Amino acid sequence: MASTAARALRAAPLVVLLAAAPAFALSPEKKAEAVALRDLCKADYLKFCGFITPGGGRGLACLQRHVADLSPACRDALPRAEALRDAAKAVRP
């Protein structure tokens, strides 16, 4: 059985991309895009931001602070991740 910390680490990259916005606010296409973006940034997130508690935009903010150190794929994905987060927030009830 995985520990709570291990489960949080596995889930953290998706939380980073969606910030605090609920996943139900995204269409299936945008959810798929969020998963693809998560995969692009997973190694960078674990390397630079694995110590933070996910949620509330902390993970995405951490990646932004390390933008110069990120892999090119993750760095290029950040603006789209921010747009997905903003889109999810905009449709929140």
C-alpha atoms as a PDB file:
ATOM      1  CA  MET A   1       0.000   0.000   0.000  1.00  0.00           C
ATOM      2  CA  ALA A   2       1.402   3.383  -1.006  1.00  0.00           C
ATOM      3  CA  SER A   3       1.971   5.973   1.655  1.00  0.00           C
ATOM      4  CA  THR A   4       0.120   9.266   1.626  1.00  0.00           C
ATOM      5  CA  ALA A   5       3.328  11.082   0.679  1.00  0.00           C
ATOM      6  CA  ALA A   6       3.960   8.732  -2.253  1.00  0.00           C
ATOM      7  CA  ARG A   7       0.403   9.199  -3.532  1.00  0.00           C
ATOM      8  CA  ALA A   8       0.764  12.968  -3.230  1.00  0.00           C
ATOM      9  CA  LEU A   9       3.990  12.913  -5.252  1.00  0.00           C
ATOM     10  CA  ARG A  10       2.356  10.910  -8.034  1.00  0.00           C
ATOM     11  CA  ALA A  11      -0.634  13.243  -8.151  1.00  0.00           C
ATOM     12  CA  ALA A  12       1.307  16.479  -7.731  1.00  0.00           C
ATOM     13  CA  PRO A  13       2.191  17.181 -11.385  1.00  0.00           C
ATOM     14  CA  LEU A  14      -1.462  17.169 -12.411  1.00  0.00           C
ATOM     15  CA  VAL A  15      -2.307  19.353  -9.447  1.00  0.00           C
ATOM     16  CA  VAL A  16       0.416  21.729 -10.556  1.00  0.00           C
ATOM     17  CA  LEU A  17      -1.077  22.089 -13.994  1.00  0.00           C
ATOM     18  CA  LEU A  18      -4.596  22.566 -12.806  1.00  0.00           C
ATOM     19  CA  ALA A  19      -3.629  24.619  -9.764  1.00  0.00           C
ATOM     20  CA  ALA A  20      -6.615  24.720  -7.445  1.00  0.00           C
ATOM     21  CA  ALA A  21      -9.186  24.600 -10.251  1.00  0.00           C
ATOM     22  CA  PRO A  22     -11.461  21.558 -10.143  1.00  0.00           C
ATOM     23  CA  ALA A  23     -10.907  19.003 -12.897  1.00  0.00           C
ATOM     24  CA  PHE A  24     -14.639  18.801 -13.569  1.00  0.00           C
ATOM     25  CA  ALA A  25     -14.483  22.333 -14.965  1.00  0.00           C
ATOM     26  CA  LEU A  26     -12.454  21.138 -17.950  1.00  0.00           C
ATOM     27  CA  SER A  27     -13.793  19.487 -21.087  1.00  0.00           C
ATOM     28  CA  PRO A  28     -12.525  15.985 -21.907  1.00  0.00           C
ATOM     29  CA  GLU A  29     -10.217  17.489 -24.547  1.00  0.00           C
ATOM     30  CA  LYS A  30      -8.722  19.955 -22.065  1.00  0.00           C
ATOM     31  CA  LYS A  31      -8.344  17.223 -19.455  1.00  0.00           C
ATOM     32  CA  ALA A  32      -6.378  15.183 -22.009  1.00  0.00           C
ATOM     33  CA  GLU A  33      -4.227  18.210 -22.762  1.00  0.00           C
ATOM     34  CA  ALA A  34      -3.593  18.733 -19.048  1.00  0.00           C
ATOM     35  CA  VAL A  35      -2.419  15.126 -18.755  1.00  0.00           C
ATOM     36  CA  ALA A  36      -0.057  15.602 -21.716  1.00  0.00           C
ATOM     37  CA  LEU A  37       1.329  18.788 -20.153  1.00  0.00           C
ATOM     38  CA  ARG A  38       1.740  17.009 -16.827  1.00  0.00           C
ATOM     39  CA  ASP A  39       3.807  14.341 -18.532  1.00  0.00           C
ATOM     40  CA  LEU A  40       6.049  16.989 -20.124  1.00  0.00           C
ATOM     41  CA  CYS A  41       6.803  18.589 -16.752  1.00  0.00           C
ATOM     42  CA  LYS A  42       6.775  15.616 -14.402  1.00  0.00           C
ATOM     43  CA  ALA A  43      10.569  15.170 -14.131  1.00  0.00           C
ATOM     44  CA  ASP A  44      11.133  18.925 -13.751  1.00  0.00           C
ATOM     45  CA  TYR A  45       8.439  19.170 -11.110  1.00  0.00           C
ATOM     46  CA  LEU A  46       9.902  16.335  -9.077  1.00  0.00           C
ATOM     47  CA  LYS A  47      13.422  17.756  -9.413  1.00  0.00           C
ATOM     48  CA  PHE A  48      12.683  21.371  -8.496  1.00  0.00           C
ATOM     49  CA  CYS A  49       9.331  21.366  -6.706  1.00  0.00           C
ATOM     50  CA  GLY A  50       8.765  17.921  -5.236  1.00  0.00           C
ATOM     51  CA  PHE A  51       9.134  19.310  -1.724  1.00  0.00           C
ATOM     52  CA  ILE A  52       6.089  21.604  -1.852  1.00  0.00           C
ATOM     53  CA  THR A  53       2.552  20.740  -0.878  1.00  0.00           C
ATOM     54  CA  PRO A  54       0.455  20.720  -4.062  1.00  0.00           C
ATOM     55  CA  GLY A  55      -2.574  22.930  -4.458  1.00  0.00           C
ATOM     56  CA  GLY A  56      -3.445  26.573  -4.499  1.00  0.00           C
ATOM     57  CA  GLY A  57      -1.155  27.232  -7.441  1.00  0.00           C
ATOM     58  CA  ARG A  58       2.020  26.563  -5.426  1.00  0.00           C
ATOM     59  CA  GLY A  59       3.348  23.947  -7.834  1.00  0.00           C
ATOM     60  CA  LEU A  60       2.878  26.052 -10.926  1.00  0.00           C
ATOM     61  CA  ALA A  61       4.414  29.037  -9.132  1.00  0.00           C
ATOM     62  CA  CYS A  62       7.414  26.894  -8.199  1.00  0.00           C
ATOM     63  CA  LEU A  63       7.912  25.812 -11.810  1.00  0.00           C
ATOM     64  CA  GLN A  64       7.676  29.444 -12.875  1.00  0.00           C
ATOM     65  CA  ARG A  65      10.416  30.370 -10.371  1.00  0.00           C
ATOM     66  CA  HIS A  66      12.628  27.700 -11.934  1.00  0.00           C
ATOM     67  CA  VAL A  67      11.744  28.491 -15.545  1.00  0.00           C
ATOM     68  CA  ALA A  68      15.394  29.019 -16.537  1.00  0.00           C
ATOM     69  CA  ASP A  69      16.265  25.543 -15.223  1.00  0.00           C
ATOM     70  CA  LEU A  70      13.369  23.623 -16.786  1.00  0.00           C
ATOM     71  CA  SER A  71      13.624  21.322 -19.762  1.00  0.00           C
ATOM     72  CA  PRO A  72      12.681  23.073 -23.006  1.00  0.00           C
ATOM     73  CA  ALA A  73       9.502  20.988 -23.339  1.00  0.00           C
ATOM     74  CA  CYS A  74       8.285  21.900 -19.860  1.00  0.00           C
ATOM     75  CA  ARG A  75       9.255  25.549 -20.243  1.00  0.00           C
ATOM     76  CA  ASP A  76       7.277  25.701 -23.494  1.00  0.00           C
ATOM     77  CA  ALA A  77       4.293  24.003 -21.812  1.00  0.00           C
ATOM     78  CA  LEU A  78       3.965  26.486 -18.921  1.00  0.00           C
ATOM     79  CA  PRO A  79       1.930  29.136 -20.784  1.00  0.00           C
ATOM     80  CA  ARG A  80      -0.590  26.502 -21.886  1.00  0.00           C
ATOM     81  CA  ALA A  81      -0.758  25.083 -18.362  1.00  0.00           C
ATOM     82  CA  GLU A  82      -1.513  28.571 -17.072  1.00  0.00           C
ATOM     83  CA  ALA A  83      -4.218  28.993 -19.717  1.00  0.00           C
ATOM     84  CA  LEU A  84      -5.842  25.688 -18.739  1.00  0.00           C
ATOM     85  CA  ARG A  85      -5.772  26.714 -15.076  1.00  0.00           C
ATOM     86  CA  ASP A  86      -7.370  30.061 -15.941  1.00  0.00           C
ATOM     87  CA  ALA A  87     -10.011  28.384 -18.134  1.00  0.00           C
ATOM     88  CA  ALA A  88     -10.940  26.003 -15.326  1.00  0.00           C
ATOM     89  CA  LYS A  89     -11.203  28.867 -12.860  1.00  0.00           C
ATOM     90  CA  ALA A  90     -13.387  30.868 -15.254  1.00  0.00           C
ATOM     91  CA  VAL A  91     -16.076  28.166 -15.435  1.00  0.00           C
ATOM     92  CA  ARG A  92     -16.107  27.369 -11.731  1.00  0.00           C
ATOM     93  CA  PRO A  93     -19.553  27.836 -10.190  1.00  0.00           C
END
